């Protein structure tokens, strides 16, 4: 909805899943408000 491009990186371990999403876009001016 918001970015110009993006990537998702998923790592599944024995006890957790870690997900990192990176995008190039407008950014979020106020994270607390968002």
ModelCIF file with pLDDT and N, C-alpha, C, O atoms, coordinates in Angstrom:
data_MODEL
#
_entry.id   MODEL 
#
_entity.id                         1 
_entity.type                       polymer 
_entity.pdbx_number_of_molecules   1 
#
_entity_poly.entity_id                      1 
_entity_poly.type                           'polypeptide(L)' 
_entity_poly.nstd_linkage                   no 
_entity_poly.nstd_monomer                   no 
_entity_poly.pdbx_seq_one_letter_code       
;(UNK)(UNK)(UNK)(UNK)(UNK)(UNK)(UNK)(UNK)(UNK)(UNK)(UNK)(UNK)(UNK)(UNK)(UNK)(UNK)
(UNK)(UNK)(UNK)(UNK)(UNK)(UNK)(UNK)(UNK)(UNK)(UNK)(UNK)(UNK)(UNK)(UNK)(UNK)(UNK)
(UNK)(UNK)
;
_entity_poly.pdbx_seq_one_letter_code_can   XXXXXXXXXXXXXXXXXXXXXXXXXXXXXXXXXX 
_entity_poly.pdbx_strand_id                 A 
#
loop_
_entity_poly_seq.entity_id 
_entity_poly_seq.num 
_entity_poly_seq.mon_id 
_entity_poly_seq.hetero 
1 1  UNK n 
1 2  UNK n 
1 3  UNK n 
1 4  UNK n 
1 5  UNK n 
1 6  UNK n 
1 7  UNK n 
1 8  UNK n 
1 9  UNK n 
1 10 UNK n 
1 11 UNK n 
1 12 UNK n 
1 13 UNK n 
1 14 UNK n 
1 15 UNK n 
1 16 UNK n 
1 17 UNK n 
1 18 UNK n 
1 19 UNK n 
1 20 UNK n 
1 21 UNK n 
1 22 UNK n 
1 23 UNK n 
1 24 UNK n 
1 25 UNK n 
1 26 UNK n 
1 27 UNK n 
1 28 UNK n 
1 29 UNK n 
1 30 UNK n 
1 31 UNK n 
1 32 UNK n 
1 33 UNK n 
1 34 UNK n 
#
_struct_asym.id          A 
_struct_asym.entity_id   1 
#
loop_
_ma_qa_metric.id 
_ma_qa_metric.mode 
_ma_qa_metric.name 
_ma_qa_metric.software_group_id 
_ma_qa_metric.type 
1 global pLDDT . pLDDT 
2 local  pLDDT . pLDDT 
#
_ma_qa_metric_global.metric_id      1 
_ma_qa_metric_global.metric_value   96.71 
_ma_qa_metric_global.model_id       1 
_ma_qa_metric_global.ordinal_id     1 
#
loop_
_ma_qa_metric_local.label_asym_id 
_ma_qa_metric_local.label_comp_id 
_ma_qa_metric_local.label_seq_id 
_ma_qa_metric_local.metric_id 
_ma_qa_metric_local.metric_value 
_ma_qa_metric_local.model_id 
_ma_qa_metric_local.ordinal_id 
A UNK 1  2 95.00 1 1  
A UNK 2  2 95.00 1 2  
A UNK 3  2 96.00 1 3  
A UNK 4  2 95.00 1 4  
A UNK 5  2 95.00 1 5  
A UNK 6  2 98.00 1 6  
A UNK 7  2 98.00 1 7  
A UNK 8  2 98.00 1 8  
A UNK 9  2 98.00 1 9  
A UNK 10 2 98.00 1 10 
A UNK 11 2 98.00 1 11 
A UNK 12 2 98.00 1 12 
A UNK 13 2 97.00 1 13 
A UNK 14 2 94.00 1 14 
A UNK 15 2 96.00 1 15 
A UNK 16 2 98.00 1 16 
A UNK 17 2 98.00 1 17 
A UNK 18 2 98.00 1 18 
A UNK 19 2 98.00 1 19 
A UNK 20 2 98.00 1 20 
A UNK 21 2 98.00 1 21 
A UNK 22 2 98.00 1 22 
A UNK 23 2 98.00 1 23 
A UNK 24 2 98.00 1 24 
A UNK 25 2 96.00 1 25 
A UNK 26 2 96.00 1 26 
A UNK 27 2 96.00 1 27 
A UNK 28 2 96.00 1 28 
A UNK 29 2 95.00 1 29 
A UNK 30 2 96.00 1 30 
A UNK 31 2 96.00 1 31 
A UNK 32 2 96.00 1 32 
A UNK 33 2 95.00 1 33 
A UNK 34 2 95.00 1 34 
#
loop_
_atom_site.group_PDB 
_atom_site.id 
_atom_site.type_symbol 
_atom_site.label_atom_id 
_atom_site.label_alt_id 
_atom_site.label_comp_id 
_atom_site.label_asym_id 
_atom_site.label_entity_id 
_atom_site.label_seq_id 
_atom_site.pdbx_PDB_ins_code 
_atom_site.Cartn_x 
_atom_site.Cartn_y 
_atom_site.Cartn_z 
_atom_site.occupancy 
_atom_site.B_iso_or_equiv 
_atom_site.pdbx_formal_charge 
_atom_site.auth_seq_id 
_atom_site.auth_comp_id 
_atom_site.auth_asym_id 
_atom_site.auth_atom_id 
_atom_site.pdbx_PDB_model_num 
ATOM 1   N N  . UNK A 1 1  ? 0.807  -1.223  0.000  1.00 95.00 ? 1  UNK A N  1 
ATOM 2   C CA . UNK A 1 1  ? 0.000  0.000   0.000  1.00 95.00 ? 1  UNK A CA 1 
ATOM 3   C C  . UNK A 1 1  ? 0.838  1.271   0.000  1.00 95.00 ? 1  UNK A C  1 
ATOM 4   O O  . UNK A 1 1  ? 0.422  2.283   -0.564 1.00 95.00 ? 1  UNK A O  1 
ATOM 5   N N  . UNK A 1 2  ? 2.018  1.233   0.627  1.00 95.00 ? 2  UNK A N  1 
ATOM 6   C CA . UNK A 1 2  ? 2.737  2.477   0.876  1.00 95.00 ? 2  UNK A CA 1 
ATOM 7   C C  . UNK A 1 2  ? 4.111  2.609   0.208  1.00 95.00 ? 2  UNK A C  1 
ATOM 8   O O  . UNK A 1 2  ? 4.549  3.725   -0.072 1.00 95.00 ? 2  UNK A O  1 
ATOM 9   N N  . UNK A 1 3  ? 4.782  1.511   -0.047 1.00 96.00 ? 3  UNK A N  1 
ATOM 10  C CA . UNK A 1 3  ? 6.201  1.578   -0.433 1.00 96.00 ? 3  UNK A CA 1 
ATOM 11  C C  . UNK A 1 3  ? 6.406  1.585   -1.948 1.00 96.00 ? 3  UNK A C  1 
ATOM 12  O O  . UNK A 1 3  ? 5.493  1.313   -2.727 1.00 96.00 ? 3  UNK A O  1 
ATOM 13  N N  . UNK A 1 4  ? 7.645  1.908   -2.332 1.00 95.00 ? 4  UNK A N  1 
ATOM 14  C CA . UNK A 1 4  ? 8.067  1.858   -3.737 1.00 95.00 ? 4  UNK A CA 1 
ATOM 15  C C  . UNK A 1 4  ? 8.649  0.497   -4.076 1.00 95.00 ? 4  UNK A C  1 
ATOM 16  O O  . UNK A 1 4  ? 8.584  0.064   -5.226 1.00 95.00 ? 4  UNK A O  1 
ATOM 17  N N  . UNK A 1 5  ? 9.213  -0.175  -3.095 1.00 95.00 ? 5  UNK A N  1 
ATOM 18  C CA . UNK A 1 5  ? 9.693  -1.555  -3.232 1.00 95.00 ? 5  UNK A CA 1 
ATOM 19  C C  . UNK A 1 5  ? 9.908  -2.122  -1.845 1.00 95.00 ? 5  UNK A C  1 
ATOM 20  O O  . UNK A 1 5  ? 10.051 -1.379  -0.874 1.00 95.00 ? 5  UNK A O  1 
ATOM 21  N N  . UNK A 1 6  ? 9.929  -3.444  -1.755 1.00 98.00 ? 6  UNK A N  1 
ATOM 22  C CA . UNK A 1 6  ? 10.101 -4.045  -0.448 1.00 98.00 ? 6  UNK A CA 1 
ATOM 23  C C  . UNK A 1 6  ? 10.566 -5.477  -0.510 1.00 98.00 ? 6  UNK A C  1 
ATOM 24  O O  . UNK A 1 6  ? 10.385 -6.174  -1.509 1.00 98.00 ? 6  UNK A O  1 
ATOM 25  N N  . UNK A 1 7  ? 11.174 -5.900  0.592  1.00 98.00 ? 7  UNK A N  1 
ATOM 26  C CA . UNK A 1 7  ? 11.650 -7.288  0.742  1.00 98.00 ? 7  UNK A CA 1 
ATOM 27  C C  . UNK A 1 7  ? 11.211 -7.821  2.102  1.00 98.00 ? 7  UNK A C  1 
ATOM 28  O O  . UNK A 1 7  ? 11.102 -7.082  3.081  1.00 98.00 ? 7  UNK A O  1 
ATOM 29  N N  . UNK A 1 8  ? 10.966 -9.127  2.129  1.00 98.00 ? 8  UNK A N  1 
ATOM 30  C CA . UNK A 1 8  ? 10.627 -9.818  3.369  1.00 98.00 ? 8  UNK A CA 1 
ATOM 31  C C  . UNK A 1 8  ? 11.642 -10.937 3.552  1.00 98.00 ? 8  UNK A C  1 
ATOM 32  O O  . UNK A 1 8  ? 11.892 -11.723 2.639  1.00 98.00 ? 8  UNK A O  1 
ATOM 33  N N  . UNK A 1 9  ? 12.223 -10.995 4.746  1.00 98.00 ? 9  UNK A N  1 
ATOM 34  C CA . UNK A 1 9  ? 13.193 -12.030 5.099  1.00 98.00 ? 9  UNK A CA 1 
ATOM 35  C C  . UNK A 1 9  ? 12.630 -12.817 6.274  1.00 98.00 ? 9  UNK A C  1 
ATOM 36  O O  . UNK A 1 9  ? 12.294 -12.243 7.310  1.00 98.00 ? 9  UNK A O  1 
ATOM 37  N N  . UNK A 1 10 ? 12.528 -14.134 6.109  1.00 98.00 ? 10 UNK A N  1 
ATOM 38  C CA . UNK A 1 10 ? 11.931 -14.992 7.127  1.00 98.00 ? 10 UNK A CA 1 
ATOM 39  C C  . UNK A 1 10 ? 12.954 -16.034 7.551  1.00 98.00 ? 10 UNK A C  1 
ATOM 40  O O  . UNK A 1 10 ? 13.568 -16.696 6.715  1.00 98.00 ? 10 UNK A O  1 
ATOM 41  N N  . UNK A 1 11 ? 13.127 -16.169 8.854  1.00 98.00 ? 11 UNK A N  1 
ATOM 42  C CA . UNK A 1 11 ? 13.986 -17.213 9.408  1.00 98.00 ? 11 UNK A CA 1 
ATOM 43  C C  . UNK A 1 11 ? 13.161 -18.028 10.392 1.00 98.00 ? 11 UNK A C  1 
ATOM 44  O O  . UNK A 1 11 ? 12.589 -17.484 11.337 1.00 98.00 ? 11 UNK A O  1 
ATOM 45  N N  . UNK A 1 12 ? 13.104 -19.335 10.165 1.00 98.00 ? 12 UNK A N  1 
ATOM 46  C CA . UNK A 1 12 ? 12.381 -20.244 11.052 1.00 98.00 ? 12 UNK A CA 1 
ATOM 47  C C  . UNK A 1 12 ? 13.412 -21.077 11.805 1.00 98.00 ? 12 UNK A C  1 
ATOM 48  O O  . UNK A 1 12 ? 14.175 -21.840 11.212 1.00 98.00 ? 12 UNK A O  1 
ATOM 49  N N  . UNK A 1 13 ? 13.412 -20.912 13.124 1.00 97.00 ? 13 UNK A N  1 
ATOM 50  C CA . UNK A 1 13 ? 14.276 -21.697 14.003 1.00 97.00 ? 13 UNK A CA 1 
ATOM 51  C C  . UNK A 1 13 ? 13.417 -22.725 14.737 1.00 97.00 ? 13 UNK A C  1 
ATOM 52  O O  . UNK A 1 13 ? 12.210 -22.811 14.515 1.00 97.00 ? 13 UNK A O  1 
ATOM 53  N N  . UNK A 1 14 ? 14.054 -23.499 15.610 1.00 94.00 ? 14 UNK A N  1 
ATOM 54  C CA . UNK A 1 14 ? 13.327 -24.524 16.363 1.00 94.00 ? 14 UNK A CA 1 
ATOM 55  C C  . UNK A 1 14 ? 12.298 -23.940 17.324 1.00 94.00 ? 14 UNK A C  1 
ATOM 56  O O  . UNK A 1 14 ? 11.294 -24.585 17.626 1.00 94.00 ? 14 UNK A O  1 
ATOM 57  N N  . UNK A 1 15 ? 12.545 -22.717 17.807 1.00 96.00 ? 15 UNK A N  1 
ATOM 58  C CA . UNK A 1 15 ? 11.687 -22.159 18.846 1.00 96.00 ? 15 UNK A CA 1 
ATOM 59  C C  . UNK A 1 15 ? 11.061 -20.813 18.510 1.00 96.00 ? 15 UNK A C  1 
ATOM 60  O O  . UNK A 1 15 ? 10.349 -20.238 19.333 1.00 96.00 ? 15 UNK A O  1 
ATOM 61  N N  . UNK A 1 16 ? 11.322 -20.305 17.300 1.00 98.00 ? 16 UNK A N  1 
ATOM 62  C CA . UNK A 1 16 ? 10.770 -18.995 16.935 1.00 98.00 ? 16 UNK A CA 1 
ATOM 63  C C  . UNK A 1 16 ? 10.856 -18.770 15.432 1.00 98.00 ? 16 UNK A C  1 
ATOM 64  O O  . UNK A 1 16 ? 11.579 -19.455 14.709 1.00 98.00 ? 16 UNK A O  1 
ATOM 65  N N  . UNK A 1 17 ? 10.087 -17.783 14.998 1.00 98.00 ? 17 UNK A N  1 
ATOM 66  C CA . UNK A 1 17 ? 10.178 -17.304 13.623 1.00 98.00 ? 17 UNK A CA 1 
ATOM 67  C C  . UNK A 1 17 ? 10.520 -15.822 13.707 1.00 98.00 ? 17 UNK A C  1 
ATOM 68  O O  . UNK A 1 17 ? 9.910  -15.068 14.465 1.00 98.00 ? 17 UNK A O  1 
ATOM 69  N N  . UNK A 1 18 ? 11.499 -15.427 12.919 1.00 98.00 ? 18 UNK A N  1 
ATOM 70  C CA . UNK A 1 18 ? 11.931 -14.035 12.869 1.00 98.00 ? 18 UNK A CA 1 
ATOM 71  C C  . UNK A 1 18 ? 11.662 -13.524 11.466 1.00 98.00 ? 18 UNK A C  1 
ATOM 72  O O  . UNK A 1 18 ? 12.039 -14.153 10.477 1.00 98.00 ? 18 UNK A O  1 
ATOM 73  N N  . UNK A 1 19 ? 11.000 -12.368 11.393 1.00 98.00 ? 19 UNK A N  1 
ATOM 74  C CA . UNK A 1 19 ? 10.638 -11.788 10.111 1.00 98.00 ? 19 UNK A CA 1 
ATOM 75  C C  . UNK A 1 19 ? 11.148 -10.352 10.076 1.00 98.00 ? 19 UNK A C  1 
ATOM 76  O O  . UNK A 1 19 ? 10.928 -9.579  11.007 1.00 98.00 ? 19 UNK A O  1 
ATOM 77  N N  . UNK A 1 20 ? 11.826 -10.013 8.998  1.00 98.00 ? 20 UNK A N  1 
ATOM 78  C CA . UNK A 1 20 ? 12.299 -8.649  8.798  1.00 98.00 ? 20 UNK A CA 1 
ATOM 79  C C  . UNK A 1 20 ? 11.741 -8.164  7.472  1.00 98.00 ? 20 UNK A C  1 
ATOM 80  O O  . UNK A 1 20 ? 11.935 -8.798  6.435  1.00 98.00 ? 20 UNK A O  1 
ATOM 81  N N  . UNK A 1 21 ? 11.054 -7.047  7.512  1.00 98.00 ? 21 UNK A N  1 
ATOM 82  C CA . UNK A 1 21 ? 10.486 -6.442  6.313  1.00 98.00 ? 21 UNK A CA 1 
ATOM 83  C C  . UNK A 1 21 ? 11.168 -5.105  6.108  1.00 98.00 ? 21 UNK A C  1 
ATOM 84  O O  . UNK A 1 21 ? 11.202 -4.269  7.011  1.00 98.00 ? 21 UNK A O  1 
ATOM 85  N N  . UNK A 1 22 ? 11.708 -4.907  4.922  1.00 98.00 ? 22 UNK A N  1 
ATOM 86  C CA . UNK A 1 22 ? 12.391 -3.657  4.598  1.00 98.00 ? 22 UNK A CA 1 
ATOM 87  C C  . UNK A 1 22 ? 11.739 -3.072  3.365  1.00 98.00 ? 22 UNK A C  1 
ATOM 88  O O  . UNK A 1 22 ? 11.502 -3.771  2.380  1.00 98.00 ? 22 UNK A O  1 
ATOM 89  N N  . UNK A 1 23 ? 11.449 -1.775  3.428  1.00 98.00 ? 23 UNK A N  1 
ATOM 90  C CA . UNK A 1 23 ? 10.897 -1.140  2.234  1.00 98.00 ? 23 UNK A CA 1 
ATOM 91  C C  . UNK A 1 23 ? 11.557 0.195   1.979  1.00 98.00 ? 23 UNK A C  1 
ATOM 92  O O  . UNK A 1 23 ? 12.117 0.829   2.873  1.00 98.00 ? 23 UNK A O  1 
ATOM 93  N N  . UNK A 1 24 ? 11.469 0.593   0.731  1.00 98.00 ? 24 UNK A N  1 
ATOM 94  C CA . UNK A 1 24 ? 11.853 1.937   0.325  1.00 98.00 ? 24 UNK A CA 1 
ATOM 95  C C  . UNK A 1 24 ? 10.556 2.656   0.029  1.00 98.00 ? 24 UNK A C  1 
ATOM 96  O O  . UNK A 1 24 ? 9.773  2.225   -0.818 1.00 98.00 ? 24 UNK A O  1 
ATOM 97  N N  . UNK A 1 25 ? 10.332 3.753   0.729  1.00 96.00 ? 25 UNK A N  1 
ATOM 98  C CA . UNK A 1 25 ? 9.080  4.458   0.554  1.00 96.00 ? 25 UNK A CA 1 
ATOM 99  C C  . UNK A 1 25 ? 9.039  5.735   1.348  1.00 96.00 ? 25 UNK A C  1 
ATOM 100 O O  . UNK A 1 25 ? 10.079 6.300   1.688  1.00 96.00 ? 25 UNK A O  1 
ATOM 101 N N  . UNK A 1 26 ? 7.827  6.198   1.649  1.00 96.00 ? 26 UNK A N  1 
ATOM 102 C CA . UNK A 1 26 ? 7.677  7.491   2.308  1.00 96.00 ? 26 UNK A CA 1 
ATOM 103 C C  . UNK A 1 26 ? 8.114  7.497   3.762  1.00 96.00 ? 26 UNK A C  1 
ATOM 104 O O  . UNK A 1 26 ? 8.363  8.562   4.328  1.00 96.00 ? 26 UNK A O  1 
ATOM 105 N N  . UNK A 1 27 ? 8.210  6.333   4.370  1.00 96.00 ? 27 UNK A N  1 
ATOM 106 C CA . UNK A 1 27 ? 8.534  6.273   5.786  1.00 96.00 ? 27 UNK A CA 1 
ATOM 107 C C  . UNK A 1 27 ? 7.340  6.637   6.651  1.00 96.00 ? 27 UNK A C  1 
ATOM 108 O O  . UNK A 1 27 ? 6.286  7.030   6.151  1.00 96.00 ? 27 UNK A O  1 
ATOM 109 N N  . UNK A 1 28 ? 7.524  6.501   7.951  1.00 96.00 ? 28 UNK A N  1 
ATOM 110 C CA . UNK A 1 28 ? 6.459  6.787   8.914  1.00 96.00 ? 28 UNK A CA 1 
ATOM 111 C C  . UNK A 1 28 ? 6.915  7.966   9.764  1.00 96.00 ? 28 UNK A C  1 
ATOM 112 O O  . UNK A 1 28 ? 7.862  7.833   10.539 1.00 96.00 ? 28 UNK A O  1 
ATOM 113 N N  . UNK A 1 29 ? 6.257  9.123   9.634  1.00 95.00 ? 29 UNK A N  1 
ATOM 114 C CA . UNK A 1 29 ? 6.692  10.312  10.382 1.00 95.00 ? 29 UNK A CA 1 
ATOM 115 C C  . UNK A 1 29 ? 6.562  10.163  11.895 1.00 95.00 ? 29 UNK A C  1 
ATOM 116 O O  . UNK A 1 29 ? 7.407  10.659  12.640 1.00 95.00 ? 29 UNK A O  1 
ATOM 117 N N  . UNK A 1 30 ? 5.503  9.480   12.357 1.00 96.00 ? 30 UNK A N  1 
ATOM 118 C CA . UNK A 1 30 ? 5.247  9.352   13.787 1.00 96.00 ? 30 UNK A CA 1 
ATOM 119 C C  . UNK A 1 30 ? 4.840  7.910   14.081 1.00 96.00 ? 30 UNK A C  1 
ATOM 120 O O  . UNK A 1 30 ? 3.673  7.548   13.932 1.00 96.00 ? 30 UNK A O  1 
ATOM 121 N N  . UNK A 1 31 ? 5.800  7.093   14.495 1.00 96.00 ? 31 UNK A N  1 
ATOM 122 C CA . UNK A 1 31 ? 5.536  5.664   14.709 1.00 96.00 ? 31 UNK A CA 1 
ATOM 123 C C  . UNK A 1 31 ? 4.513  5.457   15.822 1.00 96.00 ? 31 UNK A C  1 
ATOM 124 O O  . UNK A 1 31 ? 3.644  4.594   15.702 1.00 96.00 ? 31 UNK A O  1 
ATOM 125 N N  . UNK A 1 32 ? 4.599  6.232   16.902 1.00 96.00 ? 32 UNK A N  1 
ATOM 126 C CA . UNK A 1 32 ? 3.629  6.084   17.988 1.00 96.00 ? 32 UNK A CA 1 
ATOM 127 C C  . UNK A 1 32 ? 2.206  6.335   17.488 1.00 96.00 ? 32 UNK A C  1 
ATOM 128 O O  . UNK A 1 32 ? 1.285  5.597   17.838 1.00 96.00 ? 32 UNK A O  1 
ATOM 129 N N  . UNK A 1 33 ? 2.028  7.357   16.683 1.00 95.00 ? 33 UNK A N  1 
ATOM 130 C CA . UNK A 1 33 ? 0.713  7.648   16.118 1.00 95.00 ? 33 UNK A CA 1 
ATOM 131 C C  . UNK A 1 33 ? 0.276  6.531   15.178 1.00 95.00 ? 33 UNK A C  1 
ATOM 132 O O  . UNK A 1 33 ? -0.891 6.137   15.176 1.00 95.00 ? 33 UNK A O  1 
ATOM 133 N N  . UNK A 1 34 ? 1.205  6.023   14.385 1.00 95.00 ? 34 UNK A N  1 
ATOM 134 C CA . UNK A 1 34 ? 0.884  4.935   13.447 1.00 95.00 ? 34 UNK A CA 1 
ATOM 135 C C  . UNK A 1 34 ? 0.484  3.653   14.179 1.00 95.00 ? 34 UNK A C  1 
ATOM 136 O O  . UNK A 1 34 ? 0.184  2.645   13.540 1.00 95.00 ? 34 UNK A O  1 
#
